Amino acid sequence: MDEIYDIHRLRVIVENEEDCYEALRVVQQLWFEVPGKLKDYISYPKFNGYQSLHTVVMSEGEITLEVQIRTKEMHLQVEFGFAAHWRYKEGDCEYSSFVLQMVEWARWVVTWHCETMSKD
C-alpha cells in the first residue's frame, strides 16, 4: 500500500502549456513533493501521444495525492483521442476498428454539445 500514490487524485485543466507549468509551481508551493514522482509527459509525451504533467505530493495528514495537470486540448486527447483510457482498458475488443471509431466520435459529439450548451 505504501507504493500506491493515486488513491487520491486531483486533475487540473488549464488553458495553455505555459499555465501547466505555472500550476505545477503552485502545487509545489502548496505541498511537499514526493521525490522522484514528477513526470513531464508534455515535454516528453508517451508513445501514444499522451501529454500531461504528473506529480505526487504529500497533503496535510500525510496523505499522498497524485496531481495531473494538462490543457483542455490534452484532456480531450486523453478522453477521445488515440491515447483514450477507455480504449486500452477494453483489451482485446470484439468490435471492429470502425465501431470503435464511431464510439469515439459519438463521445466527442456529446462532450462538445455539453460544453457548447454550458457556455450559452
C-alpha atoms as a PDB file:
ATOM      1  CA  MET A   1       0.000   0.000   0.000  1.00  0.00           C
ATOM      2  CA  ASP A   2       2.951   2.347   0.577  1.00  0.00           C
ATOM      3  CA  GLU A   3       3.679   2.242  -3.170  1.00  0.00           C
ATOM      4  CA  ILE A   4       0.163   3.274  -4.289  1.00  0.00           C
ATOM      5  CA  TYR A   5       0.087   7.024  -4.883  1.00  0.00           C
ATOM      6  CA  ASP A   6      -3.076   7.548  -6.923  1.00  0.00           C
ATOM      7  CA  ILE A   7      -5.832   6.617  -4.491  1.00  0.00           C
ATOM      8  CA  HIS A   8      -6.482  10.349  -4.143  1.00  0.00           C
ATOM      9  CA  ARG A   9      -6.183  12.355  -7.329  1.00  0.00           C
ATOM     10  CA  LEU A  10      -6.508  15.976  -8.386  1.00  0.00           C
ATOM     11  CA  ARG A  11      -6.778  16.898 -12.045  1.00  0.00           C
ATOM     12  CA  VAL A  12      -6.109  20.495 -13.072  1.00  0.00           C
ATOM     13  CA  ILE A  13      -7.237  21.627 -16.533  1.00  0.00           C
ATOM     14  CA  VAL A  14      -5.744  24.909 -17.781  1.00  0.00           C
ATOM     15  CA  GLU A  15      -5.792  26.998 -20.958  1.00  0.00           C
ATOM     16  CA  ASN A  16      -2.291  26.538 -22.350  1.00  0.00           C
ATOM     17  CA  GLU A  17       1.023  24.752 -21.880  1.00  0.00           C
ATOM     18  CA  GLU A  18       2.610  27.679 -20.017  1.00  0.00           C
ATOM     19  CA  ASP A  19      -0.254  27.526 -17.498  1.00  0.00           C
ATOM     20  CA  CYS A  20       0.503  23.827 -16.924  1.00  0.00           C
ATOM     21  CA  TYR A  21       3.967  24.656 -15.628  1.00  0.00           C
ATOM     22  CA  GLU A  22       2.651  27.606 -13.608  1.00  0.00           C
ATOM     23  CA  ALA A  23       0.048  25.322 -11.988  1.00  0.00           C
ATOM     24  CA  LEU A  24       2.829  22.838 -11.188  1.00  0.00           C
ATOM     25  CA  ARG A  25       4.789  25.592  -9.420  1.00  0.00           C
ATOM     26  CA  VAL A  26       1.703  26.441  -7.338  1.00  0.00           C
ATOM     27  CA  VAL A  27       1.216  22.772  -6.403  1.00  0.00           C
ATOM     28  CA  GLN A  28       4.888  22.532  -5.405  1.00  0.00           C
ATOM     29  CA  GLN A  29       4.467  25.597  -3.171  1.00  0.00           C
ATOM     30  CA  LEU A  30       1.353  24.210  -1.505  1.00  0.00           C
ATOM     31  CA  TRP A  31       2.513  20.663  -0.759  1.00  0.00           C
ATOM     32  CA  PHE A  32       5.668  18.623  -0.245  1.00  0.00           C
ATOM     33  CA  GLU A  33       6.534  16.796  -3.449  1.00  0.00           C
ATOM     34  CA  VAL A  34       7.378  13.089  -3.151  1.00  0.00           C
ATOM     35  CA  PRO A  35      10.907  12.769  -4.616  1.00  0.00           C
ATOM     36  CA  GLY A  36      11.179  11.022  -7.965  1.00  0.00           C
ATOM     37  CA  LYS A  37       7.447  11.190  -8.722  1.00  0.00           C
ATOM     38  CA  LEU A  38       7.379  14.133 -11.152  1.00  0.00           C
ATOM     39  CA  LYS A  39       6.694  13.046 -14.734  1.00  0.00           C
ATOM     40  CA  ASP A  40       6.661  15.568 -17.564  1.00  0.00           C
ATOM     41  CA  TYR A  41       4.658  13.964 -20.355  1.00  0.00           C
ATOM     42  CA  ILE A  42       4.295  17.381 -22.010  1.00  0.00           C
ATOM     43  CA  SER A  43       7.978  17.780 -22.853  1.00  0.00           C
ATOM     44  CA  TYR A  44       8.310  14.004 -23.284  1.00  0.00           C
ATOM     45  CA  PRO A  45       4.928  12.653 -24.492  1.00  0.00           C
ATOM     46  CA  LYS A  46       4.150   8.957 -24.275  1.00  0.00           C
ATOM     47  CA  PHE A  47       4.346   6.938 -27.482  1.00  0.00           C
ATOM     48  CA  ASN A  48       0.549   7.089 -27.902  1.00  0.00           C
ATOM     49  CA  GLY A  49       0.564  10.912 -27.762  1.00  0.00           C
ATOM     50  CA  TYR A  50      -0.477  11.226 -24.109  1.00  0.00           C
ATOM     51  CA  GLN A  51       0.530  14.588 -22.626  1.00  0.00           C
ATOM     52  CA  SER A  52       0.181  15.764 -19.029  1.00  0.00           C
ATOM     53  CA  LEU A  53       2.230  16.707 -16.009  1.00  0.00           C
ATOM     54  CA  HIS A  54       2.047  14.225 -13.139  1.00  0.00           C
ATOM     55  CA  THR A  55       3.387  14.640  -9.663  1.00  0.00           C
ATOM     56  CA  VAL A  56       2.720  13.088  -6.285  1.00  0.00           C
ATOM     57  CA  VAL A  57       2.542  15.325  -3.237  1.00  0.00           C
ATOM     58  CA  MET A  58       2.022  14.789   0.459  1.00  0.00           C
ATOM     59  CA  SER A  59      -1.016  16.678   1.688  1.00  0.00           C
ATOM     60  CA  GLU A  60      -1.923  17.527   5.250  1.00  0.00           C
ATOM     61  CA  GLY A  61      -2.290  14.405   7.334  1.00  0.00           C
ATOM     62  CA  GLU A  62       0.443  12.583   5.372  1.00  0.00           C
ATOM     63  CA  ILE A  63      -1.996  11.608   2.604  1.00  0.00           C
ATOM     64  CA  THR A  64      -0.459  11.180  -0.832  1.00  0.00           C
ATOM     65  CA  LEU A  65      -2.180  12.950  -3.685  1.00  0.00           C
ATOM     66  CA  GLU A  66      -1.493  12.426  -7.369  1.00  0.00           C
ATOM     67  CA  VAL A  67      -1.832  15.690  -9.306  1.00  0.00           C
ATOM     68  CA  GLN A  68      -2.362  15.685 -13.065  1.00  0.00           C
ATOM     69  CA  ILE A  69      -2.083  18.973 -14.953  1.00  0.00           C
ATOM     70  CA  ARG A  70      -2.998  19.382 -18.615  1.00  0.00           C
ATOM     71  CA  THR A  71      -4.603  21.721 -21.123  1.00  0.00           C
ATOM     72  CA  LYS A  72      -8.175  21.331 -22.394  1.00  0.00           C
ATOM     73  CA  GLU A  73      -6.839  20.013 -25.700  1.00  0.00           C
ATOM     74  CA  MET A  74      -4.628  17.458 -23.935  1.00  0.00           C
ATOM     75  CA  HIS A  75      -7.599  16.382 -21.849  1.00  0.00           C
ATOM     76  CA  LEU A  76      -9.772  15.867 -24.943  1.00  0.00           C
ATOM     77  CA  GLN A  77      -6.985  13.747 -26.439  1.00  0.00           C
ATOM     78  CA  VAL A  78      -6.916  11.627 -23.263  1.00  0.00           C
ATOM     79  CA  GLU A  79     -10.689  11.204 -23.301  1.00  0.00           C
ATOM     80  CA  PHE A  80     -11.351  10.677 -27.001  1.00  0.00           C
ATOM     81  CA  GLY A  81      -8.131  10.515 -28.982  1.00  0.00           C
ATOM     82  CA  PHE A  82      -5.557   7.868 -29.679  1.00  0.00           C
ATOM     83  CA  ALA A  83      -4.469   7.913 -26.032  1.00  0.00           C
ATOM     84  CA  ALA A  84      -8.031   7.375 -24.777  1.00  0.00           C
ATOM     85  CA  HIS A  85      -8.087   5.471 -21.497  1.00  0.00           C
ATOM     86  CA  TRP A  86     -11.265   3.536 -22.322  1.00  0.00           C
ATOM     87  CA  ARG A  87      -9.628   2.022 -25.395  1.00  0.00           C
ATOM     88  CA  TYR A  88      -6.773   0.219 -23.716  1.00  0.00           C
ATOM     89  CA  LYS A  89      -8.894  -0.741 -20.706  1.00  0.00           C
ATOM     90  CA  GLU A  90     -11.130  -2.687 -23.103  1.00  0.00           C
ATOM     91  CA  GLY A  91      -8.262  -5.017 -24.014  1.00  0.00           C
ATOM     92  CA  ASP A  92      -8.893  -7.276 -26.988  1.00  0.00           C
ATOM     93  CA  CYS A  93     -12.138  -5.884 -28.247  1.00  0.00           C
ATOM     94  CA  GLU A  94     -14.612  -7.950 -30.243  1.00  0.00           C
ATOM     95  CA  TYR A  95     -15.689  -4.877 -32.232  1.00  0.00           C
ATOM     96  CA  SER A  96     -14.170  -3.667 -35.466  1.00  0.00           C
ATOM     97  CA  SER A  97     -11.988  -0.587 -35.719  1.00  0.00           C
ATOM     98  CA  PHE A  98     -14.882   1.203 -37.445  1.00  0.00           C
ATOM     99  CA  VAL A  99     -17.217   0.613 -34.483  1.00  0.00           C
ATOM    100  CA  LEU A 100     -14.566   1.868 -32.047  1.00  0.00           C
ATOM    101  CA  GLN A 101     -14.084   4.990 -34.162  1.00  0.00           C
ATOM    102  CA  MET A 102     -17.834   5.625 -34.193  1.00  0.00           C
ATOM    103  CA  VAL A 103     -17.990   5.281 -30.388  1.00  0.00           C
ATOM    104  CA  GLU A 104     -15.085   7.714 -30.088  1.00  0.00           C
ATOM    105  CA  TRP A 105     -16.810  10.164 -32.451  1.00  0.00           C
ATOM    106  CA  ALA A 106     -20.112   9.913 -30.530  1.00  0.00           C
ATOM    107  CA  ARG A 107     -18.367  10.616 -27.216  1.00  0.00           C
ATOM    108  CA  TRP A 108     -16.689  13.658 -28.753  1.00  0.00           C
ATOM    109  CA  VAL A 109     -20.010  14.991 -30.118  1.00  0.00           C
ATOM    110  CA  VAL A 110     -21.757  14.578 -26.747  1.00  0.00           C
ATOM    111  CA  THR A 111     -18.922  16.345 -24.916  1.00  0.00           C
ATOM    112  CA  TRP A 112     -18.809  19.157 -27.479  1.00  0.00           C
ATOM    113  CA  HIS A 113     -22.575  19.570 -27.240  1.00  0.00           C
ATOM    114  CA  CYS A 114     -22.486  19.716 -23.425  1.00  0.00           C
ATOM    115  CA  GLU A 115     -19.632  22.246 -23.445  1.00  0.00           C
ATOM    116  CA  THR A 116     -21.446  24.404 -26.017  1.00  0.00           C
ATOM    117  CA  MET A 117     -24.668  24.362 -24.009  1.00  0.00           C
ATOM    118  CA  SER A 118     -22.865  25.277 -20.790  1.00  0.00           C
ATOM    119  CA  LYS A 119     -21.303  28.323 -22.483  1.00  0.00           C
ATOM    120  CA  ASP A 120     -24.705  29.540 -23.660  1.00  0.00           C
END
